[in-house]
Amino acid sequence: MSDNVSVESNLDIRAAYLSAEELKLAASLLFQSYHDDPVFLEIFNSEKEGYEQRIRASIREELSAFWQAKQPMVGLFLGDSMVGVACLNSPDDSVGTDRFWHWRLKMLLTAGYFSTKQMIEKEQKVMAAVPLKKFHMLSFIAIHPLHQNHGFGQHLMAAVDTVLKEHGDSEGVAVYATSGKFKAFFEDANYEFIQDVCVGKVSGALMVHYRDK
């Protein structure tokens, strides 16, 4: 797997697989983007004190688990600045939560039992609804708030598509869109709506981008 993920642009934009040194920056970007996500607000009990600490811990441990499992994490860069990030579960390994036993233990210690249980149930519900056998799961995707609505999302999705093309045994990419604007964004990127999936009191859209035949 090469370090760079091809994107075409007249700007100084590049997509590349994250290095270990870039994980903290990616975690900060994801925290800003997912702080008000309906599913995270529900799972990590935003009305209870310590919400921000719990969501930070979750994102940190998720990225650590991705890194240790050698899952594809792509950063989008404008010059030397990271403006976007996407994290996928690849079909090379089991995409279920079983391989994250170490992550589960650390999550229990940092985010608490209830939040950890909710995260696992959310992942199991979404994964069970995907109508594919071998696929990538787009677990995180974010563009820095200062760079949104400038076309960077399309560049990041092009990089995700490149990751899919690099894995010939993957049937497609699935994603769980938790708001109407996200659903519209993925529709524009050729993702098809499969069904609504409820996580607690929150309903989101399961969507799939199928590999080109």
N, C-alpha and C. Protein backbone atom coordinates (compact mmCIF):
# COMPACT_ATOMS: atom_id res chain seq x y z
N MET A 1 0.85 -1.18 0.00
CA MET A 1 0.00 0.00 0.00
C MET A 1 0.89 1.23 0.00
N SER A 2 0.73 2.11 -0.95
CA SER A 2 1.56 3.29 -1.04
C SER A 2 1.16 4.30 0.03
N ASP A 3 2.08 5.26 0.31
CA ASP A 3 1.81 6.26 1.33
C ASP A 3 0.78 7.28 0.86
N ASN A 4 0.82 7.61 -0.43
CA ASN A 4 -0.08 8.62 -0.96
C ASN A 4 -1.32 8.01 -1.58
N VAL A 5 -2.43 8.73 -1.49
CA VAL A 5 -3.70 8.33 -2.10
C VAL A 5 -4.03 9.38 -3.14
N SER A 6 -4.15 8.98 -4.38
CA SER A 6 -4.23 9.93 -5.49
C SER A 6 -5.49 10.78 -5.45
N VAL A 7 -5.29 12.09 -5.61
CA VAL A 7 -6.38 13.03 -5.86
C VAL A 7 -5.88 14.02 -6.89
N GLU A 8 -6.77 14.49 -7.76
CA GLU A 8 -6.40 15.45 -8.80
C GLU A 8 -6.94 16.82 -8.43
N SER A 9 -6.06 17.83 -8.46
CA SER A 9 -6.48 19.18 -8.12
C SER A 9 -5.45 20.18 -8.60
N ASN A 10 -5.91 21.40 -8.89
CA ASN A 10 -5.00 22.48 -9.24
C ASN A 10 -4.41 23.12 -7.99
N LEU A 11 -5.00 22.86 -6.82
CA LEU A 11 -4.49 23.38 -5.56
C LEU A 11 -3.42 22.44 -5.02
N ASP A 12 -2.74 22.89 -3.96
CA ASP A 12 -1.72 22.05 -3.32
C ASP A 12 -2.41 21.10 -2.34
N ILE A 13 -3.19 20.18 -2.89
CA ILE A 13 -3.94 19.23 -2.08
C ILE A 13 -3.38 17.82 -2.31
N ARG A 14 -3.20 17.10 -1.22
CA ARG A 14 -2.77 15.71 -1.34
C ARG A 14 -3.49 14.89 -0.27
N ALA A 15 -3.69 13.64 -0.57
CA ALA A 15 -4.24 12.70 0.41
C ALA A 15 -3.19 11.64 0.67
N ALA A 16 -2.98 11.29 1.93
CA ALA A 16 -1.96 10.32 2.29
C ALA A 16 -2.40 9.54 3.52
N TYR A 17 -1.90 8.32 3.63
CA TYR A 17 -2.17 7.53 4.83
C TYR A 17 -1.48 8.19 6.02
N LEU A 18 -2.17 8.24 7.15
CA LEU A 18 -1.66 8.93 8.33
C LEU A 18 -0.43 8.21 8.90
N SER A 19 0.47 9.01 9.41
CA SER A 19 1.61 8.49 10.15
C SER A 19 1.26 8.50 11.64
N ALA A 20 2.05 7.82 12.45
CA ALA A 20 1.81 7.77 13.89
C ALA A 20 1.83 9.18 14.49
N GLU A 21 2.71 10.03 13.95
CA GLU A 21 2.85 11.39 14.49
C GLU A 21 1.62 12.24 14.19
N GLU A 22 0.81 11.85 13.23
CA GLU A 22 -0.35 12.66 12.83
C GLU A 22 -1.65 12.24 13.52
N LEU A 23 -1.60 11.20 14.35
CA LEU A 23 -2.82 10.69 14.97
C LEU A 23 -3.44 11.70 15.94
N LYS A 24 -2.61 12.43 16.69
CA LYS A 24 -3.15 13.41 17.63
C LYS A 24 -3.87 14.53 16.89
N LEU A 25 -3.30 14.97 15.77
CA LEU A 25 -3.93 16.02 14.97
C LEU A 25 -5.25 15.52 14.40
N ALA A 26 -5.26 14.27 13.94
CA ALA A 26 -6.49 13.68 13.41
C ALA A 26 -7.54 13.58 14.50
N ALA A 27 -7.14 13.20 15.71
CA ALA A 27 -8.08 13.07 16.82
C ALA A 27 -8.70 14.42 17.16
N SER A 28 -7.90 15.49 17.12
CA SER A 28 -8.41 16.83 17.40
C SER A 28 -9.43 17.25 16.34
N LEU A 29 -9.14 16.96 15.08
CA LEU A 29 -10.05 17.30 14.00
C LEU A 29 -11.36 16.54 14.13
N LEU A 30 -11.27 15.25 14.44
CA LEU A 30 -12.48 14.44 14.60
C LEU A 30 -13.31 14.89 15.79
N PHE A 31 -12.64 15.29 16.87
CA PHE A 31 -13.36 15.78 18.05
C PHE A 31 -14.20 17.00 17.69
N GLN A 32 -13.61 17.94 16.95
CA GLN A 32 -14.35 19.13 16.54
C GLN A 32 -15.56 18.78 15.67
N SER A 33 -15.38 17.79 14.81
CA SER A 33 -16.44 17.44 13.86
C SER A 33 -17.55 16.61 14.48
N TYR A 34 -17.20 15.75 15.44
CA TYR A 34 -18.20 14.83 16.01
C TYR A 34 -18.74 15.28 17.37
N HIS A 35 -18.29 16.44 17.84
CA HIS A 35 -18.73 16.92 19.15
C HIS A 35 -20.24 17.03 19.23
N ASP A 36 -20.88 17.47 18.15
CA ASP A 36 -22.34 17.65 18.15
C ASP A 36 -23.08 16.61 17.32
N ASP A 37 -22.42 15.51 17.01
CA ASP A 37 -23.05 14.44 16.25
C ASP A 37 -24.17 13.81 17.09
N PRO A 38 -25.36 13.62 16.52
CA PRO A 38 -26.49 13.10 17.31
C PRO A 38 -26.21 11.77 17.99
N VAL A 39 -25.51 10.85 17.31
CA VAL A 39 -25.22 9.55 17.91
C VAL A 39 -24.24 9.69 19.08
N PHE A 40 -23.23 10.52 18.92
CA PHE A 40 -22.27 10.72 20.00
C PHE A 40 -22.92 11.43 21.19
N LEU A 41 -23.80 12.39 20.91
CA LEU A 41 -24.52 13.06 22.00
C LEU A 41 -25.35 12.07 22.80
N GLU A 42 -25.94 11.10 22.09
CA GLU A 42 -26.77 10.08 22.74
C GLU A 42 -25.92 9.07 23.50
N ILE A 43 -24.92 8.51 22.82
CA ILE A 43 -24.12 7.44 23.41
C ILE A 43 -23.31 7.92 24.62
N PHE A 44 -22.74 9.11 24.50
CA PHE A 44 -21.86 9.59 25.56
C PHE A 44 -22.55 10.54 26.53
N ASN A 45 -23.89 10.55 26.47
CA ASN A 45 -24.71 11.26 27.46
C ASN A 45 -24.25 12.70 27.63
N SER A 46 -24.52 13.51 26.63
CA SER A 46 -24.02 14.89 26.60
C SER A 46 -24.55 15.75 27.74
N GLU A 47 -25.66 15.34 28.35
CA GLU A 47 -26.23 16.13 29.44
C GLU A 47 -25.53 15.86 30.77
N LYS A 48 -24.69 14.84 30.81
CA LYS A 48 -23.98 14.48 32.03
C LYS A 48 -22.57 15.07 32.01
N GLU A 49 -22.11 15.52 33.14
CA GLU A 49 -20.79 16.13 33.24
C GLU A 49 -19.70 15.18 32.72
N GLY A 50 -18.75 15.73 32.01
CA GLY A 50 -17.64 14.92 31.50
C GLY A 50 -17.83 14.44 30.07
N TYR A 51 -18.84 14.98 29.37
CA TYR A 51 -19.11 14.54 28.00
C TYR A 51 -17.88 14.70 27.11
N GLU A 52 -17.25 15.86 27.14
CA GLU A 52 -16.13 16.10 26.25
C GLU A 52 -14.96 15.15 26.54
N GLN A 53 -14.74 14.85 27.81
CA GLN A 53 -13.67 13.89 28.15
C GLN A 53 -13.98 12.51 27.61
N ARG A 54 -15.27 12.12 27.68
CA ARG A 54 -15.65 10.79 27.20
C ARG A 54 -15.50 10.68 25.68
N ILE A 55 -15.93 11.71 24.96
CA ILE A 55 -15.84 11.64 23.50
C ILE A 55 -14.37 11.72 23.05
N ARG A 56 -13.56 12.53 23.73
CA ARG A 56 -12.13 12.58 23.41
C ARG A 56 -11.49 11.22 23.62
N ALA A 57 -11.83 10.57 24.73
CA ALA A 57 -11.26 9.26 25.03
C ALA A 57 -11.68 8.23 24.00
N SER A 58 -12.95 8.30 23.58
CA SER A 58 -13.44 7.36 22.58
C SER A 58 -12.69 7.51 21.27
N ILE A 59 -12.56 8.73 20.79
CA ILE A 59 -11.88 8.97 19.52
C ILE A 59 -10.42 8.56 19.61
N ARG A 60 -9.78 8.89 20.72
CA ARG A 60 -8.37 8.52 20.90
C ARG A 60 -8.19 7.00 20.85
N GLU A 61 -9.05 6.27 21.55
CA GLU A 61 -8.92 4.82 21.58
C GLU A 61 -9.33 4.19 20.25
N GLU A 62 -10.29 4.79 19.55
CA GLU A 62 -10.66 4.30 18.22
C GLU A 62 -9.47 4.41 17.27
N LEU A 63 -8.82 5.57 17.25
CA LEU A 63 -7.69 5.76 16.35
C LEU A 63 -6.53 4.83 16.72
N SER A 64 -6.33 4.62 18.01
CA SER A 64 -5.28 3.69 18.45
C SER A 64 -5.58 2.28 17.97
N ALA A 65 -6.85 1.89 18.05
CA ALA A 65 -7.24 0.55 17.59
C ALA A 65 -7.08 0.43 16.08
N PHE A 66 -7.45 1.47 15.34
CA PHE A 66 -7.26 1.48 13.89
C PHE A 66 -5.78 1.31 13.55
N TRP A 67 -4.94 2.06 14.24
CA TRP A 67 -3.50 2.02 13.96
C TRP A 67 -2.93 0.63 14.24
N GLN A 68 -3.27 0.07 15.40
CA GLN A 68 -2.72 -1.23 15.78
C GLN A 68 -3.21 -2.33 14.84
N ALA A 69 -4.44 -2.20 14.33
CA ALA A 69 -4.99 -3.20 13.41
C ALA A 69 -4.60 -2.91 11.96
N LYS A 70 -3.80 -1.85 11.73
CA LYS A 70 -3.33 -1.48 10.39
C LYS A 70 -4.49 -1.25 9.42
N GLN A 71 -5.50 -0.54 9.92
CA GLN A 71 -6.64 -0.17 9.10
C GLN A 71 -6.36 1.15 8.38
N PRO A 72 -6.95 1.37 7.19
CA PRO A 72 -6.65 2.58 6.43
C PRO A 72 -7.21 3.85 7.07
N MET A 73 -6.31 4.78 7.36
CA MET A 73 -6.67 6.11 7.86
C MET A 73 -6.04 7.13 6.92
N VAL A 74 -6.86 7.92 6.28
CA VAL A 74 -6.40 8.84 5.25
C VAL A 74 -6.54 10.28 5.73
N GLY A 75 -5.49 11.05 5.55
CA GLY A 75 -5.54 12.48 5.83
C GLY A 75 -5.56 13.26 4.54
N LEU A 76 -6.32 14.36 4.51
CA LEU A 76 -6.33 15.27 3.37
C LEU A 76 -5.59 16.53 3.79
N PHE A 77 -4.61 16.93 2.99
CA PHE A 77 -3.73 18.03 3.36
C PHE A 77 -3.81 19.15 2.32
N LEU A 78 -3.89 20.37 2.81
CA LEU A 78 -3.76 21.57 2.00
C LEU A 78 -2.41 22.17 2.37
N GLY A 79 -1.44 21.99 1.48
CA GLY A 79 -0.07 22.32 1.85
C GLY A 79 0.37 21.39 2.96
N ASP A 80 0.80 21.97 4.08
CA ASP A 80 1.22 21.16 5.23
C ASP A 80 0.12 21.00 6.28
N SER A 81 -1.04 21.59 6.03
CA SER A 81 -2.12 21.57 7.02
C SER A 81 -3.11 20.43 6.74
N MET A 82 -3.46 19.68 7.79
CA MET A 82 -4.47 18.64 7.66
C MET A 82 -5.85 19.29 7.66
N VAL A 83 -6.61 19.09 6.60
CA VAL A 83 -7.94 19.69 6.50
C VAL A 83 -9.05 18.64 6.53
N GLY A 84 -8.69 17.36 6.48
CA GLY A 84 -9.70 16.31 6.50
C GLY A 84 -9.11 14.99 6.89
N VAL A 85 -9.96 14.08 7.33
CA VAL A 85 -9.51 12.74 7.69
C VAL A 85 -10.65 11.75 7.49
N ALA A 86 -10.30 10.54 7.06
CA ALA A 86 -11.27 9.46 6.90
C ALA A 86 -10.65 8.17 7.44
N CYS A 87 -11.41 7.43 8.23
CA CYS A 87 -10.94 6.17 8.81
C CYS A 87 -11.87 5.04 8.39
N LEU A 88 -11.30 3.97 7.87
CA LEU A 88 -12.10 2.85 7.38
C LEU A 88 -11.68 1.55 8.04
N ASN A 89 -12.67 0.67 8.24
CA ASN A 89 -12.40 -0.73 8.56
C ASN A 89 -12.29 -1.46 7.23
N SER A 90 -11.20 -2.16 7.00
CA SER A 90 -11.03 -2.87 5.74
C SER A 90 -11.52 -4.31 5.87
N PRO A 91 -11.83 -4.97 4.75
CA PRO A 91 -12.30 -6.35 4.79
C PRO A 91 -11.18 -7.36 4.91
N ASP A 92 -9.93 -6.89 5.00
CA ASP A 92 -8.80 -7.81 5.11
C ASP A 92 -8.84 -8.59 6.41
N ASP A 93 -9.47 -8.00 7.40
CA ASP A 93 -9.56 -8.54 8.74
C ASP A 93 -11.04 -8.59 9.07
N SER A 94 -11.43 -9.24 10.14
CA SER A 94 -12.83 -9.19 10.56
C SER A 94 -13.19 -7.74 10.89
N VAL A 95 -14.29 -7.24 10.33
CA VAL A 95 -14.68 -5.86 10.61
C VAL A 95 -15.60 -5.78 11.82
N GLY A 96 -15.83 -6.91 12.47
CA GLY A 96 -16.65 -6.90 13.67
C GLY A 96 -15.87 -6.32 14.84
N THR A 97 -16.55 -6.16 15.97
CA THR A 97 -15.91 -5.56 17.15
C THR A 97 -15.05 -6.55 17.91
N ASP A 98 -15.05 -7.83 17.53
CA ASP A 98 -14.33 -8.83 18.31
C ASP A 98 -12.83 -8.55 18.38
N ARG A 99 -12.25 -8.00 17.31
CA ARG A 99 -10.81 -7.79 17.33
C ARG A 99 -10.42 -6.60 18.21
N PHE A 100 -11.42 -5.83 18.68
CA PHE A 100 -11.13 -4.66 19.48
C PHE A 100 -11.24 -4.94 20.99
N TRP A 101 -10.87 -6.14 21.41
CA TRP A 101 -11.00 -6.47 22.83
C TRP A 101 -10.15 -5.54 23.68
N HIS A 102 -8.96 -5.21 23.20
CA HIS A 102 -8.08 -4.31 23.95
C HIS A 102 -8.69 -2.91 23.98
N TRP A 103 -9.27 -2.49 22.85
CA TRP A 103 -9.95 -1.20 22.77
C TRP A 103 -11.11 -1.16 23.75
N ARG A 104 -11.87 -2.26 23.83
CA ARG A 104 -13.01 -2.30 24.74
C ARG A 104 -12.57 -2.06 26.18
N LEU A 105 -11.49 -2.72 26.59
CA LEU A 105 -11.01 -2.58 27.96
C LEU A 105 -10.61 -1.13 28.24
N LYS A 106 -9.87 -0.52 27.32
CA LYS A 106 -9.44 0.86 27.53
C LYS A 106 -10.63 1.80 27.51
N MET A 107 -11.63 1.51 26.66
CA MET A 107 -12.83 2.34 26.63
C MET A 107 -13.58 2.25 27.96
N LEU A 108 -13.65 1.07 28.54
CA LEU A 108 -14.31 0.90 29.83
C LEU A 108 -13.66 1.78 30.90
N LEU A 109 -12.33 1.87 30.82
CA LEU A 109 -11.60 2.63 31.83
C LEU A 109 -11.70 4.14 31.60
N THR A 110 -11.91 4.56 30.35
CA THR A 110 -11.89 5.99 30.06
C THR A 110 -13.29 6.57 29.83
N ALA A 111 -14.12 5.89 29.06
CA ALA A 111 -15.44 6.42 28.73
C ALA A 111 -16.55 5.86 29.62
N GLY A 112 -16.28 4.74 30.29
CA GLY A 112 -17.28 4.15 31.17
C GLY A 112 -18.04 3.00 30.53
N TYR A 113 -18.66 2.19 31.38
CA TYR A 113 -19.34 0.98 30.92
C TYR A 113 -20.48 1.29 29.98
N PHE A 114 -21.35 2.24 30.34
CA PHE A 114 -22.54 2.51 29.55
C PHE A 114 -22.17 2.98 28.14
N SER A 115 -21.23 3.93 28.05
CA SER A 115 -20.85 4.46 26.75
C SER A 115 -20.20 3.38 25.89
N THR A 116 -19.35 2.55 26.51
CA THR A 116 -18.69 1.48 25.78
C THR A 116 -19.72 0.48 25.25
N LYS A 117 -20.67 0.11 26.09
CA LYS A 117 -21.72 -0.82 25.69
C LYS A 117 -22.53 -0.24 24.54
N GLN A 118 -22.85 1.04 24.61
CA GLN A 118 -23.63 1.70 23.56
C GLN A 118 -22.85 1.76 22.24
N MET A 119 -21.55 2.02 22.32
CA MET A 119 -20.72 2.07 21.11
C MET A 119 -20.70 0.71 20.42
N ILE A 120 -20.54 -0.35 21.22
CA ILE A 120 -20.49 -1.70 20.66
C ILE A 120 -21.83 -2.07 20.03
N GLU A 121 -22.92 -1.75 20.71
CA GLU A 121 -24.26 -2.06 20.18
C GLU A 121 -24.53 -1.29 18.89
N LYS A 122 -24.08 -0.03 18.85
CA LYS A 122 -24.24 0.78 17.65
C LYS A 122 -23.52 0.14 16.48
N GLU A 123 -22.26 -0.26 16.69
CA GLU A 123 -21.49 -0.85 15.61
C GLU A 123 -22.11 -2.16 15.15
N GLN A 124 -22.56 -2.98 16.09
CA GLN A 124 -23.15 -4.27 15.73
C GLN A 124 -24.43 -4.08 14.91
N LYS A 125 -25.28 -3.12 15.30
CA LYS A 125 -26.53 -2.86 14.58
C LYS A 125 -26.25 -2.42 13.15
N VAL A 126 -25.33 -1.48 13.00
CA VAL A 126 -25.03 -0.94 11.68
C VAL A 126 -24.41 -2.01 10.80
N MET A 127 -23.43 -2.73 11.33
CA MET A 127 -22.74 -3.75 10.53
C MET A 127 -23.71 -4.85 10.08
N ALA A 128 -24.64 -5.23 10.97
CA ALA A 128 -25.58 -6.30 10.64
C ALA A 128 -26.53 -5.92 9.51
N ALA A 129 -26.73 -4.62 9.31
CA ALA A 129 -27.67 -4.16 8.28
C ALA A 129 -27.02 -3.99 6.91
N VAL A 130 -25.69 -4.08 6.83
CA VAL A 130 -25.00 -3.88 5.54
C VAL A 130 -25.25 -5.09 4.64
N PRO A 131 -25.74 -4.89 3.41
CA PRO A 131 -26.09 -6.00 2.52
C PRO A 131 -24.90 -6.52 1.70
N LEU A 132 -23.72 -6.56 2.32
CA LEU A 132 -22.51 -7.05 1.65
C LEU A 132 -21.79 -8.02 2.57
N LYS A 133 -20.97 -8.89 1.99
CA LYS A 133 -20.20 -9.85 2.78
C LYS A 133 -18.81 -9.31 3.11
N LYS A 134 -18.12 -8.77 2.11
CA LYS A 134 -16.78 -8.20 2.33
C LYS A 134 -16.82 -6.74 1.89
N PHE A 135 -16.54 -5.85 2.82
CA PHE A 135 -16.71 -4.43 2.52
C PHE A 135 -15.87 -3.58 3.47
N HIS A 136 -15.68 -2.33 3.07
CA HIS A 136 -15.08 -1.33 3.95
C HIS A 136 -16.20 -0.63 4.71
N MET A 137 -15.91 -0.26 5.95
CA MET A 137 -16.84 0.56 6.73
C MET A 137 -16.19 1.90 6.99
N LEU A 138 -16.83 2.97 6.53
CA LEU A 138 -16.31 4.31 6.75
C LEU A 138 -16.75 4.76 8.14
N SER A 139 -15.88 4.56 9.12
CA SER A 139 -16.23 4.80 10.52
C SER A 139 -16.18 6.27 10.89
N PHE A 140 -15.19 6.99 10.37
CA PHE A 140 -15.05 8.42 10.63
C PHE A 140 -14.77 9.14 9.33
N ILE A 141 -15.36 10.31 9.15
CA ILE A 141 -14.98 11.20 8.04
C ILE A 141 -15.26 12.62 8.49
N ALA A 142 -14.29 13.51 8.27
CA ALA A 142 -14.45 14.88 8.74
C ALA A 142 -13.60 15.83 7.91
N ILE A 143 -14.13 17.02 7.71
CA ILE A 143 -13.40 18.15 7.15
C ILE A 143 -13.33 19.22 8.23
N HIS A 144 -12.15 19.83 8.39
CA HIS A 144 -11.98 20.86 9.40
C HIS A 144 -13.05 21.94 9.23
N PRO A 145 -13.65 22.41 10.34
CA PRO A 145 -14.74 23.40 10.25
C PRO A 145 -14.38 24.64 9.43
N LEU A 146 -13.13 25.07 9.45
CA LEU A 146 -12.74 26.26 8.70
C LEU A 146 -12.62 26.01 7.21
N HIS A 147 -12.65 24.74 6.81
CA HIS A 147 -12.46 24.41 5.40
C HIS A 147 -13.67 23.70 4.79
N GLN A 148 -14.79 23.75 5.48
CA GLN A 148 -15.99 23.11 4.96
C GLN A 148 -16.64 23.97 3.87
N ASN A 149 -17.40 23.31 3.00
CA ASN A 149 -18.13 23.98 1.91
C ASN A 149 -17.20 24.60 0.87
N HIS A 150 -15.99 24.01 0.73
CA HIS A 150 -15.05 24.49 -0.28
C HIS A 150 -14.60 23.36 -1.22
N GLY A 151 -15.33 22.26 -1.21
CA GLY A 151 -15.01 21.17 -2.11
C GLY A 151 -14.02 20.15 -1.60
N PHE A 152 -13.53 20.34 -0.36
CA PHE A 152 -12.54 19.39 0.17
C PHE A 152 -13.16 18.02 0.43
N GLY A 153 -14.45 18.01 0.74
CA GLY A 153 -15.12 16.73 0.98
C GLY A 153 -15.07 15.82 -0.23
N GLN A 154 -15.20 16.41 -1.42
CA GLN A 154 -15.15 15.61 -2.65
C GLN A 154 -13.76 15.00 -2.85
N HIS A 155 -12.72 15.77 -2.50
CA HIS A 155 -11.35 15.24 -2.60
C HIS A 155 -11.15 14.08 -1.63
N LEU A 156 -11.71 14.22 -0.43
CA LEU A 156 -11.55 13.16 0.56
C LEU A 156 -12.30 11.91 0.14
N MET A 157 -13.50 12.08 -0.45
CA MET A 157 -14.25 10.92 -0.93
C MET A 157 -13.55 10.25 -2.11
N ALA A 158 -12.85 11.04 -2.93
CA ALA A 158 -12.07 10.45 -4.02
C ALA A 158 -10.95 9.58 -3.45
N ALA A 159 -10.35 10.03 -2.35
CA ALA A 159 -9.31 9.24 -1.70
C ALA A 159 -9.88 7.94 -1.12
N VAL A 160 -11.09 8.03 -0.53
CA VAL A 160 -11.75 6.83 -0.02
C VAL A 160 -11.99 5.84 -1.15
N ASP A 161 -12.41 6.34 -2.31
CA ASP A 161 -12.65 5.49 -3.47
C ASP A 161 -11.35 4.82 -3.93
N THR A 162 -10.23 5.54 -3.82
CA THR A 162 -8.93 4.96 -4.15
C THR A 162 -8.59 3.82 -3.22
N VAL A 163 -8.89 3.98 -1.93
CA VAL A 163 -8.66 2.90 -0.96
C VAL A 163 -9.46 1.67 -1.36
N LEU A 164 -10.72 1.88 -1.76
CA LEU A 164 -11.57 0.77 -2.20
C LEU A 164 -10.95 0.06 -3.40
N LYS A 165 -10.46 0.84 -4.37
CA LYS A 165 -9.88 0.25 -5.57
C LYS A 165 -8.61 -0.54 -5.27
N GLU A 166 -7.90 -0.17 -4.21
CA GLU A 166 -6.68 -0.88 -3.84
C GLU A 166 -6.97 -2.24 -3.22
N HIS A 167 -8.22 -2.46 -2.80
CA HIS A 167 -8.62 -3.72 -2.17
C HIS A 167 -9.61 -4.42 -3.09
N GLY A 168 -9.08 -5.29 -3.95
CA GLY A 168 -9.90 -5.92 -4.97
C GLY A 168 -10.99 -6.84 -4.45
N ASP A 169 -10.87 -7.29 -3.18
CA ASP A 169 -11.87 -8.21 -2.65
C ASP A 169 -13.01 -7.49 -1.93
N SER A 170 -12.94 -6.16 -1.85
CA SER A 170 -14.00 -5.41 -1.18
C SER A 170 -15.13 -5.11 -2.15
N GLU A 171 -16.36 -5.37 -1.72
CA GLU A 171 -17.53 -5.15 -2.57
C GLU A 171 -18.00 -3.70 -2.56
N GLY A 172 -17.52 -2.90 -1.62
CA GLY A 172 -17.96 -1.52 -1.55
C GLY A 172 -17.62 -0.90 -0.21
N VAL A 173 -18.16 0.32 0.01
CA VAL A 173 -17.94 1.06 1.24
C VAL A 173 -19.30 1.39 1.85
N ALA A 174 -19.47 1.08 3.14
CA ALA A 174 -20.70 1.41 3.85
C ALA A 174 -20.44 2.56 4.82
N VAL A 175 -21.47 3.36 5.09
CA VAL A 175 -21.35 4.47 6.03
C VAL A 175 -22.69 4.68 6.72
N TYR A 176 -22.62 5.16 7.95
CA TYR A 176 -23.82 5.47 8.73
C TYR A 176 -23.92 6.98 8.85
N ALA A 177 -24.87 7.58 8.12
CA ALA A 177 -25.04 9.03 8.07
C ALA A 177 -26.08 9.47 9.10
N THR A 178 -25.67 10.34 10.02
CA THR A 178 -26.53 10.66 11.17
C THR A 178 -27.31 11.96 11.02
N SER A 179 -27.24 12.61 9.87
CA SER A 179 -28.04 13.82 9.67
C SER A 179 -28.38 13.95 8.19
N GLY A 180 -29.38 14.80 7.90
CA GLY A 180 -29.80 14.98 6.53
C GLY A 180 -28.72 15.53 5.62
N LYS A 181 -27.90 16.45 6.14
CA LYS A 181 -26.84 17.03 5.30
C LYS A 181 -25.77 16.00 4.96
N PHE A 182 -25.50 15.08 5.90
CA PHE A 182 -24.54 14.02 5.61
C PHE A 182 -25.10 13.06 4.57
N LYS A 183 -26.38 12.75 4.69
CA LYS A 183 -27.02 11.85 3.73
C LYS A 183 -26.94 12.46 2.33
N ALA A 184 -27.21 13.74 2.21
CA ALA A 184 -27.14 14.41 0.90
C ALA A 184 -25.71 14.41 0.36
N PHE A 185 -24.74 14.60 1.26
CA PHE A 185 -23.34 14.60 0.85
C PHE A 185 -22.95 13.26 0.27
N PHE A 186 -23.34 12.19 0.95
CA PHE A 186 -22.98 10.85 0.47
C PHE A 186 -23.76 10.47 -0.79
N GLU A 187 -24.98 10.94 -0.91
CA GLU A 187 -25.74 10.72 -2.15
C GLU A 187 -25.00 11.34 -3.33
N ASP A 188 -24.44 12.53 -3.13
CA ASP A 188 -23.68 13.19 -4.19
C ASP A 188 -22.42 12.41 -4.54
N ALA A 189 -21.92 11.62 -3.59
CA ALA A 189 -20.72 10.80 -3.82
C ALA A 189 -21.08 9.40 -4.30
N ASN A 190 -22.32 9.21 -4.75
CA ASN A 190 -22.77 7.94 -5.31
C ASN A 190 -22.93 6.83 -4.28
N TYR A 191 -23.40 7.21 -3.09
CA TYR A 191 -23.77 6.23 -2.06
C TYR A 191 -25.27 6.05 -2.10
N GLU A 192 -25.72 4.81 -2.04
CA GLU A 192 -27.15 4.50 -2.10
C GLU A 192 -27.71 4.26 -0.70
N PHE A 193 -28.89 4.82 -0.47
CA PHE A 193 -29.57 4.61 0.81
C PHE A 193 -30.03 3.15 0.91
N ILE A 194 -29.74 2.51 2.05
CA ILE A 194 -30.15 1.12 2.28
C ILE A 194 -31.34 1.07 3.23
N GLN A 195 -31.18 1.64 4.42
CA GLN A 195 -32.27 1.66 5.38
C GLN A 195 -31.90 2.57 6.55
N ASP A 196 -32.90 2.99 7.30
CA ASP A 196 -32.64 3.73 8.54
C ASP A 196 -32.31 2.73 9.64
N VAL A 197 -31.36 3.10 10.48
CA VAL A 197 -30.95 2.27 11.61
C VAL A 197 -31.03 3.12 12.87
N CYS A 198 -31.77 2.64 13.87
CA CYS A 198 -31.93 3.39 15.12
C CYS A 198 -30.87 2.98 16.13
N VAL A 199 -30.23 3.98 16.72
CA VAL A 199 -29.27 3.78 17.80
C VAL A 199 -29.78 4.57 18.99
N GLY A 200 -30.33 3.87 19.98
CA GLY A 200 -30.97 4.57 21.08
C GLY A 200 -32.17 5.34 20.55
N LYS A 201 -32.17 6.64 20.79
CA LYS A 201 -33.27 7.49 20.33
C LYS A 201 -32.96 8.16 18.99
N VAL A 202 -31.80 7.85 18.44
CA VAL A 202 -31.34 8.52 17.21
C VAL A 202 -31.48 7.58 16.02
N SER A 203 -31.97 8.13 14.91
CA SER A 203 -32.08 7.35 13.67
C SER A 203 -31.12 7.92 12.64
N GLY A 204 -30.37 7.04 11.96
CA GLY A 204 -29.45 7.46 10.92
C GLY A 204 -29.65 6.60 9.68
N ALA A 205 -29.05 7.04 8.59
CA ALA A 205 -29.20 6.34 7.31
C ALA A 205 -27.97 5.48 7.02
N LEU A 206 -28.19 4.19 6.82
CA LEU A 206 -27.13 3.31 6.35
C LEU A 206 -27.05 3.45 4.84
N MET A 207 -25.85 3.75 4.31
CA MET A 207 -25.67 3.98 2.88
C MET A 207 -24.47 3.17 2.39
N VAL A 208 -24.50 2.79 1.11
CA VAL A 208 -23.45 1.95 0.54
C VAL A 208 -23.03 2.48 -0.82
N HIS A 209 -21.74 2.52 -1.03
CA HIS A 209 -21.16 2.80 -2.35
C HIS A 209 -20.62 1.49 -2.88
N TYR A 210 -21.20 1.01 -3.97
CA TYR A 210 -20.81 -0.28 -4.53
C TYR A 210 -19.61 -0.14 -5.46
N ARG A 211 -18.76 -1.13 -5.43
CA ARG A 211 -17.61 -1.15 -6.33
C ARG A 211 -18.08 -1.13 -7.78
N ASP A 212 -17.41 -0.34 -8.61
CA ASP A 212 -17.73 -0.30 -10.03
C ASP A 212 -17.47 -1.66 -10.65
N LYS A 213 -18.42 -2.14 -11.41
CA LYS A 213 -18.27 -3.44 -12.08
C LYS A 213 -17.31 -3.34 -13.23
